[in-house]
Amino acid sequence: MGYKVAVVGATGAVGREMLKTLAERNFPADEVIALASPRSAGQQVSFGDTKILTVQNLETFDFTGTDIGLFSPGAAISAVHAPRAAAQGCVVIDNTSHFRMEPDVPLIVPEVNAHALPQFRKRNIIANPNCSTIQMVVALKPLHEVARIKRVVVATYQSVSGGGKEAMDELFMQTKSSFVHQPPEPQVFTKPIAFNCIPHIDKFMDDGFTKEEWKMAVETRKILDPDIKVVATCVRVPVFISHAEAVNVEFETAITEAQALAAWRRAPGVTVFDKREDGGYMTPLEAAGDDDTYVSRLRRDPTVDHGLAFWCVSDNLRKGAALNAVQIAEALVKQGLLEKASA
């Protein structure tokens, strides 16, 4: 017998990717239910190559008998409905920021800290990390096992899909407008995004960092190691899908480039594409649609005693959101942690 799975926020970019990923990976689901807001109820979404699901109203849905809920409806909506689903016996895997830093909710990247999964029983909720954090910790974990990481300095180049469908539409429309000499009119972003870079993702905090930058620091410590220092600059760029990051890492002890490459090649979820020649690196366009985190441009950082610098790229809708959530569900099944709610 398979599981009953609900996808919450099924009409959004991540929700649709969750449905696609469940089908592609043949997750053992006997029934998949698409849920969204009342205004989206009645719409149809694809599940796999042949199935069409009719979207149901999240607000009136009873989660009793539902085994897994993959949530990506926005933080405010998850804050209301994720605890309701959890109380009705559904294991919630939440993609929003709402539960990530709550101490009794595990924050999981399966390749990095699947051992923390059993903690979900306290609340019946598991948090999916921020998309930019996920790909970075996937790349950092193999290195941390070779030589303990002290400090990370990262600059992100984040695609507009991280801001949802409206953000993608804005880039598309502004790009079109530029060719007919119409001034771009920002609606989603604070400044024009077409042919531009915006060093501002999420709200500004009192210390001058944005909340996105704060997330990368605190989430990395919760997932990987509480002693790692992280400073981030997060930038939105005119790319539709896939985030890129320039990462500088300082270690406590020596680590060579050869050791780093060997660790990455052994690591699940990491693909090395690093040739010191024209085109010998991965770009966001090439990573779109793929599952792995790609690492390129590895070199020694000569400004610290034990330092490396590298470039990493990953599809933010897949590994940065939908795929990671489905992998969490798979890990629950593999570890024998998921009991059928309908049993």
C-alpha atoms as a PDB file:
ATOM      1  CA  MET A   1       0.000   0.000   0.000  1.00  0.00           C
ATOM      2  CA  GLY A   2       1.242   3.458  -0.897  1.00  0.00           C
ATOM      3  CA  TYR A   3       0.782   6.764   0.846  1.00  0.00           C
ATOM      4  CA  LYS A   4      -1.772   9.538   0.588  1.00  0.00           C
ATOM      5  CA  VAL A   5       0.054  12.769  -0.243  1.00  0.00           C
ATOM      6  CA  ALA A   6      -1.311  16.327  -0.298  1.00  0.00           C
ATOM      7  CA  VAL A   7       0.524  19.097  -2.166  1.00  0.00           C
ATOM      8  CA  VAL A   8      -0.407  22.475  -0.688  1.00  0.00           C
ATOM      9  CA  GLY A   9       0.127  25.489  -2.931  1.00  0.00           C
ATOM     10  CA  ALA A  10      -0.258  23.226  -5.948  1.00  0.00           C
ATOM     11  CA  THR A  11      -0.902  26.039  -8.433  1.00  0.00           C
ATOM     12  CA  GLY A  12       2.339  27.876  -7.620  1.00  0.00           C
ATOM     13  CA  ALA A  13       5.722  27.331  -9.276  1.00  0.00           C
ATOM     14  CA  VAL A  14       7.087  25.191  -6.431  1.00  0.00           C
ATOM     15  CA  GLY A  15       3.820  23.292  -5.952  1.00  0.00           C
ATOM     16  CA  ARG A  16       3.737  22.325  -9.611  1.00  0.00           C
ATOM     17  CA  GLU A  17       7.369  21.243  -9.367  1.00  0.00           C
ATOM     18  CA  MET A  18       6.512  19.117  -6.316  1.00  0.00           C
ATOM     19  CA  LEU A  19       3.830  17.311  -8.300  1.00  0.00           C
ATOM     20  CA  LYS A  20       6.231  16.822 -11.197  1.00  0.00           C
ATOM     21  CA  THR A  21       8.977  15.525  -8.894  1.00  0.00           C
ATOM     22  CA  LEU A  22       6.689  13.083  -7.074  1.00  0.00           C
ATOM     23  CA  ALA A  23       5.717  11.590 -10.424  1.00  0.00           C
ATOM     24  CA  GLU A  24       9.243  11.524 -11.873  1.00  0.00           C
ATOM     25  CA  ARG A  25      10.696   9.783  -8.835  1.00  0.00           C
ATOM     26  CA  ASN A  26       7.797   7.293  -8.567  1.00  0.00           C
ATOM     27  CA  PHE A  27       7.157   8.165  -4.960  1.00  0.00           C
ATOM     28  CA  PRO A  28       4.976   5.391  -3.458  1.00  0.00           C
ATOM     29  CA  ALA A  29       1.729   7.353  -3.422  1.00  0.00           C
ATOM     30  CA  ASP A  30      -1.640   5.710  -3.917  1.00  0.00           C
ATOM     31  CA  GLU A  31      -3.364   9.084  -3.912  1.00  0.00           C
ATOM     32  CA  VAL A  32      -2.118  12.613  -4.567  1.00  0.00           C
ATOM     33  CA  ILE A  33      -4.277  15.606  -3.737  1.00  0.00           C
ATOM     34  CA  ALA A  34      -3.719  19.152  -5.012  1.00  0.00           C
ATOM     35  CA  LEU A  35      -4.666  21.932  -2.575  1.00  0.00           C
ATOM     36  CA  ALA A  36      -4.619  25.710  -2.877  1.00  0.00           C
ATOM     37  CA  SER A  37      -6.515  28.845  -1.895  1.00  0.00           C
ATOM     38  CA  PRO A  38     -10.278  29.144  -2.413  1.00  0.00           C
ATOM     39  CA  ARG A  39      -9.756  31.280  -5.524  1.00  0.00           C
ATOM     40  CA  SER A  40      -7.657  28.501  -7.102  1.00  0.00           C
ATOM     41  CA  ALA A  41     -10.050  25.687  -6.204  1.00  0.00           C
ATOM     42  CA  GLY A  42     -11.415  24.021  -9.308  1.00  0.00           C
ATOM     43  CA  GLN A  43      -8.346  24.663 -11.412  1.00  0.00           C
ATOM     44  CA  GLN A  44      -6.554  21.697 -12.910  1.00  0.00           C
ATOM     45  CA  VAL A  45      -2.867  20.777 -12.554  1.00  0.00           C
ATOM     46  CA  SER A  46      -0.795  18.009 -14.090  1.00  0.00           C
ATOM     47  CA  PHE A  47       0.544  15.038 -12.168  1.00  0.00           C
ATOM     48  CA  GLY A  48       2.896  13.001 -14.308  1.00  0.00           C
ATOM     49  CA  ASP A  49       2.409  12.620 -18.036  1.00  0.00           C
ATOM     50  CA  THR A  50      -1.225  11.545 -18.058  1.00  0.00           C
ATOM     51  CA  LYS A  51      -2.978  12.477 -14.809  1.00  0.00           C
ATOM     52  CA  ILE A  52      -4.845  15.715 -14.231  1.00  0.00           C
ATOM     53  CA  LEU A  53      -5.766  16.741 -10.684  1.00  0.00           C
ATOM     54  CA  THR A  54      -8.553  19.132  -9.762  1.00  0.00           C
ATOM     55  CA  VAL A  55      -7.398  21.588  -7.121  1.00  0.00           C
ATOM     56  CA  GLN A  56      -9.307  21.444  -3.836  1.00  0.00           C
ATOM     57  CA  ASN A  57      -9.828  24.190  -1.258  1.00  0.00           C
ATOM     58  CA  LEU A  58      -7.137  24.112   1.426  1.00  0.00           C
ATOM     59  CA  GLU A  59      -9.289  25.972   3.921  1.00  0.00           C
ATOM     60  CA  THR A  60     -11.960  23.286   4.057  1.00  0.00           C
ATOM     61  CA  PHE A  61      -9.801  20.208   3.473  1.00  0.00           C
ATOM     62  CA  ASP A  62      -9.685  17.582   6.230  1.00  0.00           C
ATOM     63  CA  PHE A  63      -6.165  16.114   6.525  1.00  0.00           C
ATOM     64  CA  THR A  64      -7.346  13.085   8.512  1.00  0.00           C
ATOM     65  CA  GLY A  65      -5.980   9.994   6.757  1.00  0.00           C
ATOM     66  CA  THR A  66      -3.397  12.001   4.802  1.00  0.00           C
ATOM     67  CA  ASP A  67       0.130  10.676   5.361  1.00  0.00           C
ATOM     68  CA  ILE A  68       2.293  13.494   3.997  1.00  0.00           C
ATOM     69  CA  GLY A  69       1.663  17.149   3.269  1.00  0.00           C
ATOM     70  CA  LEU A  70       4.128  18.954   1.026  1.00  0.00           C
ATOM     71  CA  PHE A  71       3.488  22.617   1.804  1.00  0.00           C
ATOM     72  CA  SER A  72       4.525  25.638  -0.270  1.00  0.00           C
ATOM     73  CA  PRO A  73       1.641  28.127   0.017  1.00  0.00           C
ATOM     74  CA  GLY A  74       3.473  31.057   1.661  1.00  0.00           C
ATOM     75  CA  ALA A  75       4.584  31.473   5.268  1.00  0.00           C
ATOM     76  CA  ALA A  76       1.409  33.086   6.577  1.00  0.00           C
ATOM     77  CA  ILE A  77      -0.779  30.299   5.190  1.00  0.00           C
ATOM     78  CA  SER A  78       1.538  27.548   6.426  1.00  0.00           C
ATOM     79  CA  ALA A  79       1.463  29.136   9.875  1.00  0.00           C
ATOM     80  CA  VAL A  80      -2.285  28.447  10.014  1.00  0.00           C
ATOM     81  CA  HIS A  81      -2.740  25.200   8.098  1.00  0.00           C
ATOM     82  CA  ALA A  82       0.487  23.246   8.732  1.00  0.00           C
ATOM     83  CA  PRO A  83      -0.223  22.846  12.486  1.00  0.00           C
ATOM     84  CA  ARG A  84      -3.829  21.948  11.652  1.00  0.00           C
ATOM     85  CA  ALA A  85      -2.667  19.224   9.251  1.00  0.00           C
ATOM     86  CA  ALA A  86      -0.064  17.996  11.740  1.00  0.00           C
ATOM     87  CA  ALA A  87      -2.683  17.753  14.495  1.00  0.00           C
ATOM     88  CA  GLN A  88      -4.821  15.607  12.172  1.00  0.00           C
ATOM     89  CA  GLY A  89      -1.967  13.096  11.769  1.00  0.00           C
ATOM     90  CA  CYS A  90      -0.389  14.370   8.551  1.00  0.00           C
ATOM     91  CA  VAL A  91       3.417  14.695   8.523  1.00  0.00           C
ATOM     92  CA  VAL A  92       4.052  18.183   7.174  1.00  0.00           C
ATOM     93  CA  ILE A  93       7.122  19.003   5.072  1.00  0.00           C
ATOM     94  CA  ASP A  94       6.977  22.777   4.871  1.00  0.00           C
ATOM     95  CA  ASN A  95       8.851  24.765   2.232  1.00  0.00           C
ATOM     96  CA  THR A  96       8.141  28.193   3.740  1.00  0.00           C
ATOM     97  CA  SER A  97      10.293  30.132   6.193  1.00  0.00           C
ATOM     98  CA  HIS A  98       7.780  29.989   9.051  1.00  0.00           C
ATOM     99  CA  PHE A  99       9.029  26.942  11.017  1.00  0.00           C
ATOM    100  CA  ARG A 100      12.703  26.797  10.028  1.00  0.00           C
ATOM    101  CA  MET A 101      14.273  28.268  13.130  1.00  0.00           C
ATOM    102  CA  GLU A 102      11.891  26.782  15.687  1.00  0.00           C
ATOM    103  CA  PRO A 103      14.052  24.544  17.907  1.00  0.00           C
ATOM    104  CA  ASP A 104      11.626  21.609  17.939  1.00  0.00           C
ATOM    105  CA  VAL A 105      11.251  21.501  14.142  1.00  0.00           C
ATOM    106  CA  PRO A 106      14.074  19.765  12.235  1.00  0.00           C
ATOM    107  CA  LEU A 107      15.520  21.672   9.276  1.00  0.00           C
ATOM    108  CA  ILE A 108      16.552  18.997   6.804  1.00  0.00           C
ATOM    109  CA  VAL A 109      18.728  18.534   3.740  1.00  0.00           C
ATOM    110  CA  PRO A 110      18.830  14.738   3.350  1.00  0.00           C
ATOM    111  CA  GLU A 111      22.417  14.588   2.030  1.00  0.00           C
ATOM    112  CA  VAL A 112      23.582  16.652   5.004  1.00  0.00           C
ATOM    113  CA  ASN A 113      21.578  15.897   8.172  1.00  0.00           C
ATOM    114  CA  ALA A 114      19.063  13.102   7.584  1.00  0.00           C
ATOM    115  CA  HIS A 115      20.031  11.855  11.058  1.00  0.00           C
ATOM    116  CA  ALA A 116      17.962  14.723  12.525  1.00  0.00           C
ATOM    117  CA  LEU A 117      14.712  13.526  10.918  1.00  0.00           C
ATOM    118  CA  PRO A 118      13.310  11.655  13.970  1.00  0.00           C
ATOM    119  CA  GLN A 119      12.954  14.996  15.753  1.00  0.00           C
ATOM    120  CA  PHE A 120       9.854  15.689  13.625  1.00  0.00           C
ATOM    121  CA  ARG A 121       7.693  13.669  16.026  1.00  0.00           C
ATOM    122  CA  LYS A 122       7.589  16.565  18.509  1.00  0.00           C
ATOM    123  CA  ARG A 123       5.465  18.680  16.150  1.00  0.00           C
ATOM    124  CA  ASN A 124       4.799  16.421  13.137  1.00  0.00           C
ATOM    125  CA  ILE A 125       6.443  19.168  11.056  1.00  0.00           C
ATOM    126  CA  ILE A 126       9.710  19.179   9.086  1.00  0.00           C
ATOM    127  CA  ALA A 127      11.083  22.372   7.583  1.00  0.00           C
ATOM    128  CA  ASN A 128      12.628  22.661   4.129  1.00  0.00           C
ATOM    129  CA  PRO A 129      15.510  25.174   4.194  1.00  0.00           C
ATOM    130  CA  ASN A 130      15.881  28.283   2.082  1.00  0.00           C
ATOM    131  CA  CYS A 131      16.812  27.516  -1.529  1.00  0.00           C
ATOM    132  CA  SER A 132      20.145  29.348  -1.399  1.00  0.00           C
ATOM    133  CA  THR A 133      21.082  27.605   1.848  1.00  0.00           C
ATOM    134  CA  ILE A 134      20.300  24.121   0.509  1.00  0.00           C
ATOM    135  CA  GLN A 135      22.714  24.157  -2.404  1.00  0.00           C
ATOM    136  CA  MET A 136      25.474  25.727  -0.304  1.00  0.00           C
ATOM    137  CA  VAL A 137      25.313  23.183   2.532  1.00  0.00           C
ATOM    138  CA  VAL A 138      25.194  20.305   0.026  1.00  0.00           C
ATOM    139  CA  ALA A 139      28.515  21.600  -1.323  1.00  0.00           C
ATOM    140  CA  LEU A 140      29.967  22.433   2.111  1.00  0.00           C
ATOM    141  CA  LYS A 141      29.176  19.167   3.938  1.00  0.00           C
ATOM    142  CA  PRO A 142      31.781  17.011   2.108  1.00  0.00           C
ATOM    143  CA  LEU A 143      34.445  19.672   2.730  1.00  0.00           C
ATOM    144  CA  HIS A 144      33.484  20.000   6.407  1.00  0.00           C
ATOM    145  CA  GLU A 145      34.121  16.272   6.814  1.00  0.00           C
ATOM    146  CA  VAL A 146      37.682  16.694   5.515  1.00  0.00           C
ATOM    147  CA  ALA A 147      38.661  19.901   7.329  1.00  0.00           C
ATOM    148  CA  ARG A 148      36.384  21.657   9.803  1.00  0.00           C
ATOM    149  CA  ILE A 149      34.903  24.878   8.400  1.00  0.00           C
ATOM    150  CA  LYS A 150      35.427  28.081  10.396  1.00  0.00           C
ATOM    151  CA  ARG A 151      33.929  30.778   8.177  1.00  0.00           C
ATOM    152  CA  VAL A 152      31.993  31.166   4.933  1.00  0.00           C
ATOM    153  CA  VAL A 153      31.697  34.301   2.810  1.00  0.00           C
ATOM    154  CA  VAL A 154      29.115  33.927   0.051  1.00  0.00           C
ATOM    155  CA  ALA A 155      27.625  36.118  -2.648  1.00  0.00           C
ATOM    156  CA  THR A 156      24.507  34.748  -4.324  1.00  0.00           C
ATOM    157  CA  TYR A 157      23.156  35.292  -7.819  1.00  0.00           C
ATOM    158  CA  GLN A 158      19.539  34.275  -7.381  1.00  0.00           C
ATOM    159  CA  SER A 159      17.020  33.743 -10.158  1.00  0.00           C
ATOM    160  CA  VAL A 160      13.652  35.469 -10.208  1.00  0.00           C
ATOM    161  CA  SER A 161      11.758  32.189  -9.844  1.00  0.00           C
ATOM    162  CA  GLY A 162      12.673  32.390  -6.175  1.00  0.00           C
ATOM    163  CA  GLY A 163      10.121  35.210  -6.017  1.00  0.00           C
ATOM    164  CA  GLY A 164       7.339  33.156  -7.624  1.00  0.00           C
ATOM    165  CA  LYS A 165       5.376  33.339 -10.858  1.00  0.00           C
ATOM    166  CA  GLU A 166       4.760  37.085 -10.594  1.00  0.00           C
ATOM    167  CA  ALA A 167       8.497  37.726 -10.395  1.00  0.00           C
ATOM    168  CA  MET A 168       9.130  35.575 -13.471  1.00  0.00           C
ATOM    169  CA  ASP A 169       6.373  37.425 -15.327  1.00  0.00           C
ATOM    170  CA  GLU A 170       7.941  40.751 -14.387  1.00  0.00           C
ATOM    171  CA  LEU A 171      11.314  39.786 -15.834  1.00  0.00           C
ATOM    172  CA  PHE A 172       9.629  38.563 -19.015  1.00  0.00           C
ATOM    173  CA  MET A 173       7.538  41.712 -19.465  1.00  0.00           C
ATOM    174  CA  GLN A 174      10.391  44.097 -18.646  1.00  0.00           C
ATOM    175  CA  THR A 175      12.671  42.304 -21.103  1.00  0.00           C
ATOM    176  CA  LYS A 176      10.048  42.643 -23.839  1.00  0.00           C
ATOM    177  CA  SER A 177       9.444  46.303 -22.975  1.00  0.00           C
ATOM    178  CA  SER A 178      13.111  47.164 -23.251  1.00  0.00           C
ATOM    179  CA  PHE A 179      13.147  46.192 -26.933  1.00  0.00           C
ATOM    180  CA  VAL A 180      10.342  48.633 -27.770  1.00  0.00           C
ATOM    181  CA  HIS A 181      11.838  51.397 -25.625  1.00  0.00           C
ATOM    182  CA  GLN A 182       9.123  51.315 -22.973  1.00  0.00           C
ATOM    183  CA  PRO A 183      10.377  52.143 -19.480  1.00  0.00           C
ATOM    184  CA  PRO A 184      10.136  49.143 -17.133  1.00  0.00           C
ATOM    185  CA  GLU A 185       7.614  49.468 -14.314  1.00  0.00           C
ATOM    186  CA  PRO A 186       8.686  47.498 -11.229  1.00  0.00           C
ATOM    187  CA  GLN A 187       5.835  45.834  -9.367  1.00  0.00           C
ATOM    188  CA  VAL A 188       7.377  42.807  -7.642  1.00  0.00           C
ATOM    189  CA  PHE A 189      10.919  44.138  -7.324  1.00  0.00           C
ATOM    190  CA  THR A 190      12.096  47.471  -5.931  1.00  0.00           C
ATOM    191  CA  LYS A 191      13.975  48.326  -9.126  1.00  0.00           C
ATOM    192  CA  PRO A 192      13.923  47.068 -12.731  1.00  0.00           C
ATOM    193  CA  ILE A 193      15.167  43.482 -12.900  1.00  0.00           C
ATOM    194  CA  ALA A 194      15.634  43.143 -16.675  1.00  0.00           C
ATOM    195  CA  PHE A 195      19.317  43.701 -17.556  1.00  0.00           C
ATOM    196  CA  ASN A 196      19.998  44.583 -13.927  1.00  0.00           C
ATOM    197  CA  CYS A 197      21.095  43.119 -10.576  1.00  0.00           C
ATOM    198  CA  ILE A 198      19.318  43.970  -7.321  1.00  0.00           C
ATOM    199  CA  PRO A 199      21.264  43.452  -4.048  1.00  0.00           C
ATOM    200  CA  HIS A 200      18.081  43.069  -2.035  1.00  0.00           C
ATOM    201  CA  ILE A 201      16.106  39.880  -1.308  1.00  0.00           C
ATOM    202  CA  ASP A 202      13.472  39.870   1.435  1.00  0.00           C
ATOM    203  CA  LYS A 203      13.159  42.577   4.100  1.00  0.00           C
ATOM    204  CA  PHE A 204      15.955  44.706   5.506  1.00  0.00           C
ATOM    205  CA  MET A 205      16.898  44.075   9.127  1.00  0.00           C
ATOM    206  CA  ASP A 206      18.188  46.578  11.695  1.00  0.00           C
ATOM    207  CA  ASP A 207      21.836  45.556  11.187  1.00  0.00           C
ATOM    208  CA  GLY A 208      21.719  46.273   7.430  1.00  0.00           C
ATOM    209  CA  PHE A 209      21.516  42.658   6.313  1.00  0.00           C
ATOM    210  CA  THR A 210      18.439  41.398   4.510  1.00  0.00           C
ATOM    211  CA  LYS A 211      16.397  38.550   5.913  1.00  0.00           C
ATOM    212  CA  GLU A 212      17.599  36.311   3.050  1.00  0.00           C
ATOM    213  CA  GLU A 213      21.189  36.912   4.130  1.00  0.00           C
ATOM    214  CA  TRP A 214      20.263  36.220   7.745  1.00  0.00           C
ATOM    215  CA  LYS A 215      18.567  32.969   6.716  1.00  0.00           C
ATOM    216  CA  MET A 216      21.704  31.686   5.022  1.00  0.00           C
ATOM    217  CA  ALA A 217      23.731  32.266   8.184  1.00  0.00           C
ATOM    218  CA  VAL A 218      21.372  30.847  10.791  1.00  0.00           C
ATOM    219  CA  GLU A 219      20.140  27.950   8.665  1.00  0.00           C
ATOM    220  CA  THR A 220      23.678  26.829   7.806  1.00  0.00           C
ATOM    221  CA  ARG A 221      24.514  26.722  11.496  1.00  0.00           C
ATOM    222  CA  LYS A 222      21.356  24.777  12.358  1.00  0.00           C
ATOM    223  CA  ILE A 223      21.847  22.244   9.556  1.00  0.00           C
ATOM    224  CA  LEU A 224      25.622  21.815   9.420  1.00  0.00           C
ATOM    225  CA  ASP A 225      27.434  23.151  12.492  1.00  0.00           C
ATOM    226  CA  PRO A 226      26.492  25.819  15.069  1.00  0.00           C
ATOM    227  CA  ASP A 227      30.082  27.111  15.163  1.00  0.00           C
ATOM    228  CA  ILE A 228      30.370  28.068  11.489  1.00  0.00           C
ATOM    229  CA  LYS A 229      30.432  31.815  10.834  1.00  0.00           C
ATOM    230  CA  VAL A 230      28.578  32.889   7.689  1.00  0.00           C
ATOM    231  CA  VAL A 231      28.279  36.267   5.995  1.00  0.00           C
ATOM    232  CA  ALA A 232      26.172  36.543   2.845  1.00  0.00           C
ATOM    233  CA  THR A 233      25.304  39.116   0.211  1.00  0.00           C
ATOM    234  CA  CYS A 234      22.177  38.015  -1.674  1.00  0.00           C
ATOM    235  CA  VAL A 235      21.515  39.418  -5.129  1.00  0.00           C
ATOM    236  CA  ARG A 236      18.585  38.956  -7.494  1.00  0.00           C
ATOM    237  CA  VAL A 237      19.698  38.595 -11.120  1.00  0.00           C
ATOM    238  CA  PRO A 238      17.790  38.506 -14.445  1.00  0.00           C
ATOM    239  CA  VAL A 239      17.775  34.703 -14.748  1.00  0.00           C
ATOM    240  CA  PHE A 240      14.534  32.716 -14.752  1.00  0.00           C
ATOM    241  CA  ILE A 241      15.635  29.479 -13.032  1.00  0.00           C
ATOM    242  CA  SER A 242      18.669  28.338 -10.988  1.00  0.00           C
ATOM    243  CA  HIS A 243      20.690  30.100  -8.326  1.00  0.00           C
ATOM    244  CA  ALA A 244      24.458  30.542  -8.439  1.00  0.00           C
ATOM    245  CA  GLU A 245      26.807  31.289  -5.558  1.00  0.00           C
ATOM    246  CA  ALA A 246      30.411  32.436  -5.230  1.00  0.00           C
ATOM    247  CA  VAL A 247      31.660  30.835  -2.001  1.00  0.00           C
ATOM    248  CA  ASN A 248      34.832  31.471  -0.010  1.00  0.00           C
ATOM    249  CA  VAL A 249      35.523  29.017   2.813  1.00  0.00           C
ATOM    250  CA  GLU A 250      38.064  29.248   5.621  1.00  0.00           C
ATOM    251  CA  PHE A 251      38.992  25.996   7.368  1.00  0.00           C
ATOM    252  CA  GLU A 252      40.575  25.228  10.733  1.00  0.00           C
ATOM    253  CA  THR A 253      43.202  22.962   9.152  1.00  0.00           C
ATOM    254  CA  ALA A 254      44.786  22.510   5.763  1.00  0.00           C
ATOM    255  CA  ILE A 255      42.773  21.146   2.848  1.00  0.00           C
ATOM    256  CA  THR A 256      44.025  20.779  -0.707  1.00  0.00           C
ATOM    257  CA  GLU A 257      42.122  21.255  -3.927  1.00  0.00           C
ATOM    258  CA  ALA A 258      42.616  17.550  -4.664  1.00  0.00           C
ATOM    259  CA  GLN A 259      41.071  16.594  -1.310  1.00  0.00           C
ATOM    260  CA  ALA A 260      38.096  18.863  -1.961  1.00  0.00           C
ATOM    261  CA  LEU A 261      37.498  17.428  -5.428  1.00  0.00           C
ATOM    262  CA  ALA A 262      37.735  13.869  -4.124  1.00  0.00           C
ATOM    263  CA  ALA A 263      35.251  14.645  -1.332  1.00  0.00           C
ATOM    264  CA  TRP A 264      32.781  16.193  -3.757  1.00  0.00           C
ATOM    265  CA  ARG A 265      33.038  13.252  -6.159  1.00  0.00           C
ATOM    266  CA  ARG A 266      32.121  10.880  -3.324  1.00  0.00           C
ATOM    267  CA  ALA A 267      29.235  13.027  -2.099  1.00  0.00           C
ATOM    268  CA  PRO A 268      25.580  12.405  -2.989  1.00  0.00           C
ATOM    269  CA  GLY A 269      23.873  15.255  -4.799  1.00  0.00           C
ATOM    270  CA  VAL A 270      27.098  16.930  -5.965  1.00  0.00           C
ATOM    271  CA  THR A 271      28.482  16.974  -9.498  1.00  0.00           C
ATOM    272  CA  VAL A 272      31.917  18.406 -10.217  1.00  0.00           C
ATOM    273  CA  PHE A 273      32.206  20.272 -13.510  1.00  0.00           C
ATOM    274  CA  ASP A 274      35.504  22.082 -13.244  1.00  0.00           C
ATOM    275  CA  LYS A 275      37.893  22.504 -16.159  1.00  0.00           C
ATOM    276  CA  ARG A 276      40.323  25.386 -16.247  1.00  0.00           C
ATOM    277  CA  GLU A 277      39.401  26.349 -19.777  1.00  0.00           C
ATOM    278  CA  ASP A 278      36.825  28.398 -21.629  1.00  0.00           C
ATOM    279  CA  GLY A 279      33.387  27.033 -20.776  1.00  0.00           C
ATOM    280  CA  GLY A 280      34.735  24.614 -18.185  1.00  0.00           C
ATOM    281  CA  TYR A 281      32.184  25.589 -15.536  1.00  0.00           C
ATOM    282  CA  MET A 282      28.450  25.331 -14.902  1.00  0.00           C
ATOM    283  CA  THR A 283      25.974  28.164 -15.407  1.00  0.00           C
ATOM    284  CA  PRO A 284      22.387  28.631 -14.167  1.00  0.00           C
ATOM    285  CA  LEU A 285      20.960  28.050 -17.632  1.00  0.00           C
ATOM    286  CA  GLU A 286      22.647  24.655 -17.882  1.00  0.00           C
ATOM    287  CA  ALA A 287      21.622  23.567 -14.371  1.00  0.00           C
ATOM    288  CA  ALA A 288      17.911  24.272 -14.878  1.00  0.00           C
ATOM    289  CA  GLY A 289      15.906  21.061 -14.746  1.00  0.00           C
ATOM    290  CA  ASP A 290      18.665  19.041 -13.074  1.00  0.00           C
ATOM    291  CA  ASP A 291      18.681  17.649  -9.546  1.00  0.00           C
ATOM    292  CA  ASP A 292      22.312  18.015  -8.487  1.00  0.00           C
ATOM    293  CA  THR A 293      24.306  20.896  -7.081  1.00  0.00           C
ATOM    294  CA  TYR A 294      27.132  21.639  -9.506  1.00  0.00           C
ATOM    295  CA  VAL A 295      30.527  22.862  -8.289  1.00  0.00           C
ATOM    296  CA  SER A 296      33.037  24.646 -10.502  1.00  0.00           C
ATOM    297  CA  ARG A 297      35.920  27.140 -10.397  1.00  0.00           C
ATOM    298  CA  LEU A 298      37.605  25.539  -7.389  1.00  0.00           C
ATOM    299  CA  ARG A 299      40.823  27.295  -6.362  1.00  0.00           C
ATOM    300  CA  ARG A 300      42.896  28.068  -3.302  1.00  0.00           C
ATOM    301  CA  ASP A 301      42.065  31.287  -1.443  1.00  0.00           C
ATOM    302  CA  PRO A 302      45.483  32.840  -0.757  1.00  0.00           C
ATOM    303  CA  THR A 303      44.110  35.509   1.614  1.00  0.00           C
ATOM    304  CA  VAL A 304      43.700  33.095   4.552  1.00  0.00           C
ATOM    305  CA  ASP A 305      45.856  30.268   5.898  1.00  0.00           C
ATOM    306  CA  HIS A 306      43.449  27.471   4.964  1.00  0.00           C
ATOM    307  CA  GLY A 307      41.016  28.678   2.328  1.00  0.00           C
ATOM    308  CA  LEU A 308      39.202  27.570  -0.808  1.00  0.00           C
ATOM    309  CA  ALA A 309      36.959  29.439  -3.239  1.00  0.00           C
ATOM    310  CA  PHE A 310      34.408  27.872  -5.564  1.00  0.00           C
ATOM    311  CA  TRP A 311      31.281  28.474  -7.635  1.00  0.00           C
ATOM    312  CA  CYS A 312      28.115  26.402  -7.183  1.00  0.00           C
ATOM    313  CA  VAL A 313      24.902  26.290  -9.192  1.00  0.00           C
ATOM    314  CA  SER A 314      21.596  24.502  -8.632  1.00  0.00           C
ATOM    315  CA  ASP A 315      18.003  24.601  -9.856  1.00  0.00           C
ATOM    316  CA  ASN A 316      16.235  26.480  -7.059  1.00  0.00           C
ATOM    317  CA  LEU A 317      12.810  25.061  -7.919  1.00  0.00           C
ATOM    318  CA  ARG A 318      14.101  21.501  -7.752  1.00  0.00           C
ATOM    319  CA  LYS A 319      16.900  20.936  -5.237  1.00  0.00           C
ATOM    320  CA  GLY A 320      16.210  24.335  -3.715  1.00  0.00           C
ATOM    321  CA  ALA A 321      12.580  23.483  -2.998  1.00  0.00           C
ATOM    322  CA  ALA A 322      10.501  20.666  -4.522  1.00  0.00           C
ATOM    323  CA  LEU A 323      13.147  17.967  -4.878  1.00  0.00           C
ATOM    324  CA  ASN A 324      14.495  18.485  -1.370  1.00  0.00           C
ATOM    325  CA  ALA A 325      10.965  18.200   0.044  1.00  0.00           C
ATOM    326  CA  VAL A 326      10.311  14.953  -1.844  1.00  0.00           C
ATOM    327  CA  GLN A 327      13.717  13.608  -0.790  1.00  0.00           C
ATOM    328  CA  ILE A 328      12.743  14.299   2.834  1.00  0.00           C
ATOM    329  CA  ALA A 329       9.582  12.244   2.292  1.00  0.00           C
ATOM    330  CA  GLU A 330      11.670   9.468   0.731  1.00  0.00           C
ATOM    331  CA  ALA A 331      14.044   9.545   3.700  1.00  0.00           C
ATOM    332  CA  LEU A 332      11.091   9.202   6.099  1.00  0.00           C
ATOM    333  CA  VAL A 333      10.017   6.079   4.231  1.00  0.00           C
ATOM    334  CA  LYS A 334      13.565   4.685   4.046  1.00  0.00           C
ATOM    335  CA  GLN A 335      14.164   5.208   7.775  1.00  0.00           C
ATOM    336  CA  GLY A 336      10.827   3.606   8.652  1.00  0.00           C
ATOM    337  CA  LEU A 337       9.603   6.809  10.313  1.00  0.00           C
ATOM    338  CA  LEU A 338       6.354   7.155   8.386  1.00  0.00           C
ATOM    339  CA  GLU A 339       3.304   5.296   9.627  1.00  0.00           C
ATOM    340  CA  LYS A 340       0.246   5.335   7.435  1.00  0.00           C
ATOM    341  CA  ALA A 341      -2.289   7.802   8.851  1.00  0.00           C
ATOM    342  CA  SER A 342      -5.104   5.797   7.320  1.00  0.00           C
ATOM    343  CA  ALA A 343      -3.978   2.514   8.887  1.00  0.00           C
END
